[in-house]
PDB file of N, CA and C in Angstrom:
ATOM      1  N   UNK A   1     101.926  40.820 148.360  1.00  0.00           N
ATOM      2  CA  UNK A   1     101.411  40.704 149.638  1.00  0.00           C
ATOM      3  C   UNK A   1     100.151  39.937 149.894  1.00  0.00           C
ATOM      4  N   UNK A   2     100.783  38.846 151.413  1.00  0.00           N
ATOM      5  CA  UNK A   2      99.033  38.125 151.329  1.00  0.00           C
ATOM      6  C   UNK A   2      98.585  38.567 152.453  1.00  0.00           C
ATOM      7  N   UNK A   3      97.539  38.932 152.055  1.00  0.00           N
ATOM      8  CA  UNK A   3      97.166  39.519 153.696  1.00  0.00           C
ATOM      9  C   UNK A   3      96.514  39.032 154.399  1.00  0.00           C
ATOM     10  N   UNK A   4      96.067  38.962 155.606  1.00  0.00           N
ATOM     11  CA  UNK A   4      95.603  38.094 156.085  1.00  0.00           C
ATOM     12  C   UNK A   4      94.130  38.644 156.856  1.00  0.00           C
ATOM     13  N   UNK A   5      92.938  38.154 157.186  1.00  0.00           N
ATOM     14  CA  UNK A   5      91.933  38.862 157.777  1.00  0.00           C
ATOM     15  C   UNK A   5      91.277  37.830 158.824  1.00  0.00           C
ATOM     16  N   UNK A   6      91.080  38.662 159.858  1.00  0.00           N
ATOM     17  CA  UNK A   6      91.028  37.798 161.104  1.00  0.00           C
ATOM     18  C   UNK A   6      89.979  38.619 162.161  1.00  0.00           C
ATOM     19  N   UNK A   7      89.234  37.795 162.736  1.00  0.00           N
ATOM     20  CA  UNK A   7      88.689  39.278 163.798  1.00  0.00           C
ATOM     21  C   UNK A   7      89.872  39.773 164.650  1.00  0.00           C
ATOM     22  N   UNK A   8      90.497  40.769 164.401  1.00  0.00           N
ATOM     23  CA  UNK A   8      91.601  41.129 165.183  1.00  0.00           C
ATOM     24  C   UNK A   8      90.936  41.760 167.071  1.00  0.00           C
ATOM     25  N   UNK A   9      89.803  41.879 166.898  1.00  0.00           N
ATOM     26  CA  UNK A   9      89.299  42.339 168.361  1.00  0.00           C
ATOM     27  C   UNK A   9      89.049  41.122 169.018  1.00  0.00           C
ATOM     28  N   UNK A  10      88.854  39.956 168.105  1.00  0.00           N
ATOM     29  CA  UNK A  10      88.822  38.640 169.212  1.00  0.00           C
ATOM     30  C   UNK A  10      90.244  38.087 169.644  1.00  0.00           C
ATOM     31  N   UNK A  11      90.956  38.402 168.721  1.00  0.00           N
ATOM     32  CA  UNK A  11      92.218  37.477 168.918  1.00  0.00           C
ATOM     33  C   UNK A  11      93.193  38.393 170.059  1.00  0.00           C
ATOM     34  N   UNK A  12      92.813  39.749 169.780  1.00  0.00           N
ATOM     35  CA  UNK A  12      93.191  40.754 171.212  1.00  0.00           C
ATOM     36  C   UNK A  12      92.581  40.303 172.323  1.00  0.00           C
ATOM     37  N   UNK A  13      91.218  40.185 172.202  1.00  0.00           N
ATOM     38  CA  UNK A  13      90.807  39.676 174.160  1.00  0.00           C
ATOM     39  C   UNK A  13      91.157  38.274 174.221  1.00  0.00           C
ATOM     40  N   UNK A  14      91.084  37.570 173.682  1.00  0.00           N
ATOM     41  CA  UNK A  14      91.675  36.106 173.696  1.00  0.00           C
ATOM     42  C   UNK A  14      93.058  36.013 173.690  1.00  0.00           C
ATOM     43  N   UNK A  15      94.362  37.205 174.058  1.00  0.00           N
ATOM     44  CA  UNK A  15      95.191  37.432 174.058  1.00  0.00           C
ATOM     45  C   UNK A  15      96.265  36.466 173.625  1.00  0.00           C
ATOM     46  N   UNK A  16      96.409  36.012 172.324  1.00  0.00           N
ATOM     47  CA  UNK A  16      96.947  35.666 170.917  1.00  0.00           C
ATOM     48  C   UNK A  16      97.627  36.743 170.162  1.00  0.00           C
ATOM     49  N   UNK A  17      98.625  35.843 169.655  1.00  0.00           N
ATOM     50  CA  UNK A  17      99.500  36.252 168.861  1.00  0.00           C
ATOM     51  C   UNK A  17      99.486  35.511 167.436  1.00  0.00           C
ATOM     52  N   UNK A  18      99.639  36.194 166.240  1.00  0.00           N
ATOM     53  CA  UNK A  18      99.604  35.587 165.561  1.00  0.00           C
ATOM     54  C   UNK A  18     100.710  35.544 164.494  1.00  0.00           C
ATOM     55  N   UNK A  19     101.178  35.009 163.848  1.00  0.00           N
ATOM     56  CA  UNK A  19     102.644  34.433 163.160  1.00  0.00           C
ATOM     57  C   UNK A  19     102.167  33.608 161.826  1.00  0.00           C
ATOM     58  N   UNK A  20     103.482  33.562 160.888  1.00  0.00           N
ATOM     59  CA  UNK A  20     103.225  33.045 159.776  1.00  0.00           C
ATOM     60  C   UNK A  20     104.874  32.095 159.302  1.00  0.00           C
ATOM     61  N   UNK A  21     104.416  31.144 158.706  1.00  0.00           N
ATOM     62  CA  UNK A  21     105.991  30.773 158.312  1.00  0.00           C
ATOM     63  C   UNK A  21     105.781  30.512 156.798  1.00  0.00           C
ATOM     64  N   UNK A  22     106.360  30.229 156.088  1.00  0.00           N
ATOM     65  CA  UNK A  22     106.888  29.995 154.467  1.00  0.00           C
ATOM     66  C   UNK A  22     106.486  28.533 154.617  1.00  0.00           C
ATOM     67  N   UNK A  23     106.427  27.787 153.096  1.00  0.00           N
ATOM     68  CA  UNK A  23     107.251  26.732 153.181  1.00  0.00           C
ATOM     69  C   UNK A  23     108.307  25.739 153.362  1.00  0.00           C
ATOM     70  N   UNK A  24     108.967  27.170 153.318  1.00  0.00           N
ATOM     71  CA  UNK A  24     110.416  26.345 154.075  1.00  0.00           C
ATOM     72  C   UNK A  24     110.154  26.811 155.582  1.00  0.00           C
ATOM     73  N   UNK A  25     109.522  27.464 155.867  1.00  0.00           N
ATOM     74  CA  UNK A  25     109.565  27.251 157.337  1.00  0.00           C
ATOM     75  C   UNK A  25     110.140  28.752 158.301  1.00  0.00           C
ATOM     76  N   UNK A  26     110.297  29.783 157.285  1.00  0.00           N
ATOM     77  CA  UNK A  26     110.708  31.015 157.222  1.00  0.00           C
ATOM     78  C   UNK A  26     109.507  31.903 158.050  1.00  0.00           C
ATOM     79  N   UNK A  27     109.569  32.746 159.287  1.00  0.00           N
ATOM     80  CA  UNK A  27     108.956  33.461 159.321  1.00  0.00           C
ATOM     81  C   UNK A  27     108.877  34.800 157.992  1.00  0.00           C
ATOM     82  N   UNK A  28     107.251  34.954 158.245  1.00  0.00           N
ATOM     83  CA  UNK A  28     106.857  35.938 157.389  1.00  0.00           C
ATOM     84  C   UNK A  28     106.236  37.108 157.783  1.00  0.00           C
ATOM     85  N   UNK A  29     107.111  38.478 157.822  1.00  0.00           N
ATOM     86  CA  UNK A  29     106.828  39.367 158.691  1.00  0.00           C
ATOM     87  C   UNK A  29     106.844  40.686 158.214  1.00  0.00           C
ATOM     88  N   UNK A  30     106.574  41.754 157.752  1.00  0.00           N
ATOM     89  CA  UNK A  30     106.360  43.327 156.978  1.00  0.00           C
ATOM     90  C   UNK A  30     107.647  43.469 157.977  1.00  0.00           C
ATOM     91  N   UNK A  31     107.914  44.459 156.411  1.00  0.00           N
ATOM     92  CA  UNK A  31     109.499  45.648 157.153  1.00  0.00           C
ATOM     93  C   UNK A  31     108.988  46.137 158.215  1.00  0.00           C
ATOM     94  N   UNK A  32     107.364  46.595 158.482  1.00  0.00           N
ATOM     95  CA  UNK A  32     106.604  47.155 159.608  1.00  0.00           C
ATOM     96  C   UNK A  32     106.663  46.214 160.706  1.00  0.00           C
ATOM     97  N   UNK A  33     106.896  44.982 160.931  1.00  0.00           N
ATOM     98  CA  UNK A  33     107.033  44.379 162.059  1.00  0.00           C
ATOM     99  C   UNK A  33     105.680  43.159 162.052  1.00  0.00           C
ATOM    100  N   UNK A  34     104.265  43.910 160.608  1.00  0.00           N
ATOM    101  CA  UNK A  34     103.220  43.834 160.855  1.00  0.00           C
ATOM    102  C   UNK A  34     103.059  41.879 160.901  1.00  0.00           C
ATOM    103  N   UNK A  35     101.832  41.528 161.116  1.00  0.00           N
ATOM    104  CA  UNK A  35     102.350  39.818 160.437  1.00  0.00           C
ATOM    105  C   UNK A  35     100.538  39.550 159.989  1.00  0.00           C
ATOM    106  N   UNK A  36      99.993  40.953 159.567  1.00  0.00           N
ATOM    107  CA  UNK A  36      98.410  40.998 158.930  1.00  0.00           C
ATOM    108  C   UNK A  36      98.939  41.444 157.319  1.00  0.00           C
ATOM    109  N   UNK A  37      99.850  41.562 156.841  1.00  0.00           N
ATOM    110  CA  UNK A  37     100.239  41.808 155.738  1.00  0.00           C
ATOM    111  C   UNK A  37     101.524  40.922 155.526  1.00  0.00           C
ATOM    112  N   UNK A  38     101.317  39.470 154.808  1.00  0.00           N
ATOM    113  CA  UNK A  38     102.595  39.224 154.978  1.00  0.00           C
ATOM    114  C   UNK A  38     103.610  39.696 153.184  1.00  0.00           C
ATOM    115  N   UNK A  39     104.776  39.520 153.352  1.00  0.00           N
ATOM    116  CA  UNK A  39     105.492  39.725 152.476  1.00  0.00           C
ATOM    117  C   UNK A  39     105.862  38.459 152.067  1.00  0.00           C
ATOM    118  N   UNK A  40     105.363  38.814 150.295  1.00  0.00           N
ATOM    119  CA  UNK A  40     105.611  37.366 149.650  1.00  0.00           C
ATOM    120  C   UNK A  40     107.221  37.193 148.998  1.00  0.00           C
ATOM    121  N   UNK A  41     107.787  38.736 148.408  1.00  0.00           N
ATOM    122  CA  UNK A  41     108.964  38.450 148.002  1.00  0.00           C
ATOM    123  C   UNK A  41     110.128  37.700 148.940  1.00  0.00           C
ATOM    124  N   UNK A  42     110.889  36.755 148.305  1.00  0.00           N
ATOM    125  CA  UNK A  42     111.775  36.194 149.043  1.00  0.00           C
ATOM    126  C   UNK A  42     111.654  35.040 149.619  1.00  0.00           C
ATOM    127  N   UNK A  43     109.874  34.545 149.344  1.00  0.00           N
ATOM    128  CA  UNK A  43     109.693  33.937 150.421  1.00  0.00           C
ATOM    129  C   UNK A  43     108.796  32.519 149.636  1.00  0.00           C
ATOM    130  N   UNK A  44     108.467  31.319 149.930  1.00  0.00           N
ATOM    131  CA  UNK A  44     108.377  30.453 149.585  1.00  0.00           C
ATOM    132  C   UNK A  44     106.841  30.404 149.555  1.00  0.00           C
ATOM    133  N   UNK A  45     105.927  30.619 148.697  1.00  0.00           N
ATOM    134  CA  UNK A  45     104.362  30.594 149.482  1.00  0.00           C
ATOM    135  C   UNK A  45     103.445  29.924 148.691  1.00  0.00           C
ATOM    136  N   UNK A  46     104.295  28.578 148.372  1.00  0.00           N
ATOM    137  CA  UNK A  46     103.694  27.583 147.479  1.00  0.00           C
ATOM    138  C   UNK A  46     102.413  26.753 148.877  1.00  0.00           C
ATOM    139  N   UNK A  47     102.607  27.279 150.391  1.00  0.00           N
ATOM    140  CA  UNK A  47     101.436  26.882 151.513  1.00  0.00           C
ATOM    141  C   UNK A  47     102.257  28.050 152.288  1.00  0.00           C
ATOM    142  N   UNK A  48     101.505  28.368 153.494  1.00  0.00           N
ATOM    143  CA  UNK A  48     101.794  29.323 154.498  1.00  0.00           C
ATOM    144  C   UNK A  48     101.457  27.964 155.458  1.00  0.00           C
ATOM    145  N   UNK A  49     101.998  28.186 156.565  1.00  0.00           N
ATOM    146  CA  UNK A  49     101.075  27.791 157.952  1.00  0.00           C
ATOM    147  C   UNK A  49     101.448  29.168 159.028  1.00  0.00           C
ATOM    148  N   UNK A  50      99.728  28.877 159.445  1.00  0.00           N
ATOM    149  CA  UNK A  50      99.655  30.264 160.323  1.00  0.00           C
ATOM    150  C   UNK A  50      99.433  29.641 162.079  1.00  0.00           C
ATOM    151  N   UNK A  51     100.134  30.332 162.676  1.00  0.00           N
ATOM    152  CA  UNK A  51     100.025  30.321 164.057  1.00  0.00           C
ATOM    153  C   UNK A  51      99.663  30.841 164.836  1.00  0.00           C
ATOM    154  N   UNK A  52      99.277  30.922 166.012  1.00  0.00           N
ATOM    155  CA  UNK A  52      98.289  31.461 166.857  1.00  0.00           C
ATOM    156  C   UNK A  52      99.090  31.353 168.036  1.00  0.00           C
ATOM    157  N   UNK A  53      99.385  31.982 168.776  1.00  0.00           N
ATOM    158  CA  UNK A  53     100.063  31.715 170.495  1.00  0.00           C
ATOM    159  C   UNK A  53      99.602  32.412 171.144  1.00  0.00           C
ATOM    160  N   UNK A  54      99.738  32.324 172.738  1.00  0.00           N
ATOM    161  CA  UNK A  54      99.491  32.521 173.682  1.00  0.00           C
ATOM    162  C   UNK A  54     100.406  33.880 173.741  1.00  0.00           C
ATOM    163  N   UNK A  55     100.197  35.279 173.490  1.00  0.00           N
ATOM    164  CA  UNK A  55     100.653  36.467 172.988  1.00  0.00           C
ATOM    165  C   UNK A  55     101.382  36.548 174.064  1.00  0.00           C
ATOM    166  N   UNK A  56     101.544  36.121 175.663  1.00  0.00           N
ATOM    167  CA  UNK A  56     102.396  36.758 176.709  1.00  0.00           C
ATOM    168  C   UNK A  56     103.514  35.393 176.751  1.00  0.00           C
ATOM    169  N   UNK A  57     103.202  34.351 176.214  1.00  0.00           N
ATOM    170  CA  UNK A  57     104.203  33.235 175.738  1.00  0.00           C
ATOM    171  C   UNK A  57     104.848  33.656 174.556  1.00  0.00           C
ATOM    172  N   UNK A  58     104.139  33.963 173.585  1.00  0.00           N
ATOM    173  CA  UNK A  58     104.912  34.428 172.385  1.00  0.00           C
ATOM    174  C   UNK A  58     105.967  35.561 172.493  1.00  0.00           C
ATOM    175  N   UNK A  59     105.627  36.624 173.611  1.00  0.00           N
ATOM    176  CA  UNK A  59     106.588  37.861 173.680  1.00  0.00           C
ATOM    177  C   UNK A  59     107.914  37.448 174.717  1.00  0.00           C
ATOM    178  N   UNK A  60     107.480  36.306 176.049  1.00  0.00           N
ATOM    179  CA  UNK A  60     108.423  36.491 176.464  1.00  0.00           C
ATOM    180  C   UNK A  60     109.249  35.192 176.422  1.00  0.00           C
ATOM    181  N   UNK A  61     108.383  33.839 175.133  1.00  0.00           N
ATOM    182  CA  UNK A  61     109.166  32.877 175.365  1.00  0.00           C
ATOM    183  C   UNK A  61     110.137  32.670 173.413  1.00  0.00           C
ATOM    184  N   UNK A  62     109.184  32.952 172.885  1.00  0.00           N
ATOM    185  CA  UNK A  62     109.306  32.115 171.731  1.00  0.00           C
ATOM    186  C   UNK A  62     109.850  33.616 170.959  1.00  0.00           C
ATOM    187  N   UNK A  63     109.217  35.051 170.774  1.00  0.00           N
ATOM    188  CA  UNK A  63     109.458  35.905 169.719  1.00  0.00           C
ATOM    189  C   UNK A  63     111.218  36.287 169.884  1.00  0.00           C
ATOM    190  N   UNK A  64     111.793  36.130 169.098  1.00  0.00           N
ATOM    191  CA  UNK A  64     113.499  36.395 169.033  1.00  0.00           C
ATOM    192  C   UNK A  64     114.278  35.082 168.994  1.00  0.00           C
ATOM    193  N   UNK A  65     113.643  33.845 168.973  1.00  0.00           N
ATOM    194  CA  UNK A  65     114.148  32.384 168.760  1.00  0.00           C
ATOM    195  C   UNK A  65     114.949  32.127 167.304  1.00  0.00           C
ATOM    196  N   UNK A  66     115.723  32.253 167.581  1.00  0.00           N
ATOM    197  CA  UNK A  66     116.924  32.004 166.269  1.00  0.00           C
ATOM    198  C   UNK A  66     116.623  30.302 166.193  1.00  0.00           C
ATOM    199  N   UNK A  67     116.524  29.443 165.144  1.00  0.00           N
ATOM    200  CA  UNK A  67     116.477  28.301 164.973  1.00  0.00           C
ATOM    201  C   UNK A  67     118.190  27.833 165.174  1.00  0.00           C
ATOM    202  N   UNK A  68     117.979  26.393 165.253  1.00  0.00           N
ATOM    203  CA  UNK A  68     119.698  25.490 165.472  1.00  0.00           C
ATOM    204  C   UNK A  68     119.471  24.321 164.669  1.00  0.00           C
ATOM    205  N   UNK A  69     120.696  24.048 164.709  1.00  0.00           N
ATOM    206  CA  UNK A  69     120.339  22.406 164.077  1.00  0.00           C
ATOM    207  C   UNK A  69     119.286  21.319 164.434  1.00  0.00           C
ATOM    208  N   UNK A  70     118.703  21.621 166.018  1.00  0.00           N
ATOM    209  CA  UNK A  70     118.265  20.509 166.497  1.00  0.00           C
ATOM    210  C   UNK A  70     116.833  21.035 166.711  1.00  0.00           C
ATOM    211  N   UNK A  71     116.713  22.760 166.355  1.00  0.00           N
ATOM    212  CA  UNK A  71     115.114  22.937 166.353  1.00  0.00           C
ATOM    213  C   UNK A  71     114.854  24.165 164.967  1.00  0.00           C
ATOM    214  N   UNK A  72     114.519  23.788 164.462  1.00  0.00           N
ATOM    215  CA  UNK A  72     113.646  24.877 163.834  1.00  0.00           C
ATOM    216  C   UNK A  72     112.226  25.781 163.868  1.00  0.00           C
ATOM    217  N   UNK A  73     112.278  26.937 163.093  1.00  0.00           N
ATOM    218  CA  UNK A  73     111.086  27.497 163.601  1.00  0.00           C
ATOM    219  C   UNK A  73     109.871  26.876 163.417  1.00  0.00           C
ATOM    220  N   UNK A  74     109.502  25.679 162.081  1.00  0.00           N
ATOM    221  CA  UNK A  74     108.545  25.322 162.422  1.00  0.00           C
ATOM    222  C   UNK A  74     108.584  23.916 163.797  1.00  0.00           C
ATOM    223  N   UNK A  75     109.539  23.180 164.108  1.00  0.00           N
ATOM    224  CA  UNK A  75     109.727  22.246 165.087  1.00  0.00           C
ATOM    225  C   UNK A  75     108.900  23.417 166.098  1.00  0.00           C
ATOM    226  N   UNK A  76     109.482  24.153 166.619  1.00  0.00           N
ATOM    227  CA  UNK A  76     109.528  24.955 168.087  1.00  0.00           C
ATOM    228  C   UNK A  76     107.499  25.602 167.788  1.00  0.00           C
ATOM    229  N   UNK A  77     107.251  25.923 166.676  1.00  0.00           N
ATOM    230  CA  UNK A  77     105.987  26.353 166.891  1.00  0.00           C
ATOM    231  C   UNK A  77     104.767  25.385 166.613  1.00  0.00           C
ATOM    232  N   UNK A  78     105.138  24.356 166.053  1.00  0.00           N
ATOM    233  CA  UNK A  78     104.351  23.028 166.067  1.00  0.00           C
ATOM    234  C   UNK A  78     104.036  22.740 167.210  1.00  0.00           C
ATOM    235  N   UNK A  79     105.126  22.912 168.502  1.00  0.00           N
ATOM    236  CA  UNK A  79     104.911  22.582 169.990  1.00  0.00           C
ATOM    237  C   UNK A  79     104.584  23.555 170.943  1.00  0.00           C
ATOM    238  N   UNK A  80     104.617  24.890 170.075  1.00  0.00           N
ATOM    239  CA  UNK A  80     103.967  25.990 171.175  1.00  0.00           C
ATOM    240  C   UNK A  80     102.508  26.469 170.754  1.00  0.00           C
ATOM    241  N   UNK A  81     102.348  26.821 169.793  1.00  0.00           N
ATOM    242  CA  UNK A  81     101.071  27.288 169.313  1.00  0.00           C
ATOM    243  C   UNK A  81     100.004  26.621 169.735  1.00  0.00           C
ATOM    244  N   UNK A  82      98.687  27.785 170.048  1.00  0.00           N
ATOM    245  CA  UNK A  82      97.442  27.010 170.740  1.00  0.00           C
ATOM    246  C   UNK A  82      96.526  26.529 169.367  1.00  0.00           C
ATOM    247  N   UNK A  83      97.015  27.012 168.227  1.00  0.00           N
ATOM    248  CA  UNK A  83      96.381  26.934 166.958  1.00  0.00           C
ATOM    249  C   UNK A  83      97.406  26.583 165.888  1.00  0.00           C
ATOM    250  N   UNK A  84      97.139  26.208 164.797  1.00  0.00           N
ATOM    251  CA  UNK A  84      98.059  26.138 163.110  1.00  0.00           C
ATOM    252  C   UNK A  84      96.887  25.740 162.474  1.00  0.00           C
ATOM    253  N   UNK A  85      97.119  26.086 161.237  1.00  0.00           N
ATOM    254  CA  UNK A  85      96.509  26.028 160.159  1.00  0.00           C
ATOM    255  C   UNK A  85      97.239  26.362 158.748  1.00  0.00           C
ATOM    256  N   UNK A  86      97.802  24.982 157.909  1.00  0.00           N
ATOM    257  CA  UNK A  86      98.526  25.416 156.600  1.00  0.00           C
ATOM    258  C   UNK A  86      97.549  25.516 155.482  1.00  0.00           C
ATOM    259  N   UNK A  87      97.742  26.654 154.528  1.00  0.00           N
ATOM    260  CA  UNK A  87      97.194  26.992 153.465  1.00  0.00           C
ATOM    261  C   UNK A  87      98.246  26.494 152.541  1.00  0.00           C
ATOM    262  N   UNK A  88      97.560  25.771 151.438  1.00  0.00           N
ATOM    263  CA  UNK A  88      98.391  25.640 150.077  1.00  0.00           C
ATOM    264  C   UNK A  88      97.695  26.781 149.088  1.00  0.00           C
ATOM    265  N   UNK A  89      98.419  27.134 148.439  1.00  0.00           N
ATOM    266  CA  UNK A  89      98.286  27.453 146.920  1.00  0.00           C
ATOM    267  C   UNK A  89      98.809  26.981 145.474  1.00  0.00           C
ATOM    268  N   UNK A  90      97.484  26.761 144.962  1.00  0.00           N
ATOM    269  CA  UNK A  90      97.678  26.020 143.910  1.00  0.00           C
ATOM    270  C   UNK A  90      97.988  26.798 142.387  1.00  0.00           C
TER     271      UNK A  90
END
């Protein structure tokens, strides 16, 4: 697992939702739906990108998105995220 540590209280106060994509652009969500403890099995974790979305926008418009040939998760997330940061693991 990769454990994300952030001030959850500040994130909730600001109405943000945190998501992460692996190096291949696949969402990293635990079996319990948590985005705090990211699974590494079946993911390319040479780098991960962490995204912060407006909570309501994510829940109403982004959650459940299925990628198409025209737009991947990464393209959608890059367009819609309020913030993103890529972390490379060497």
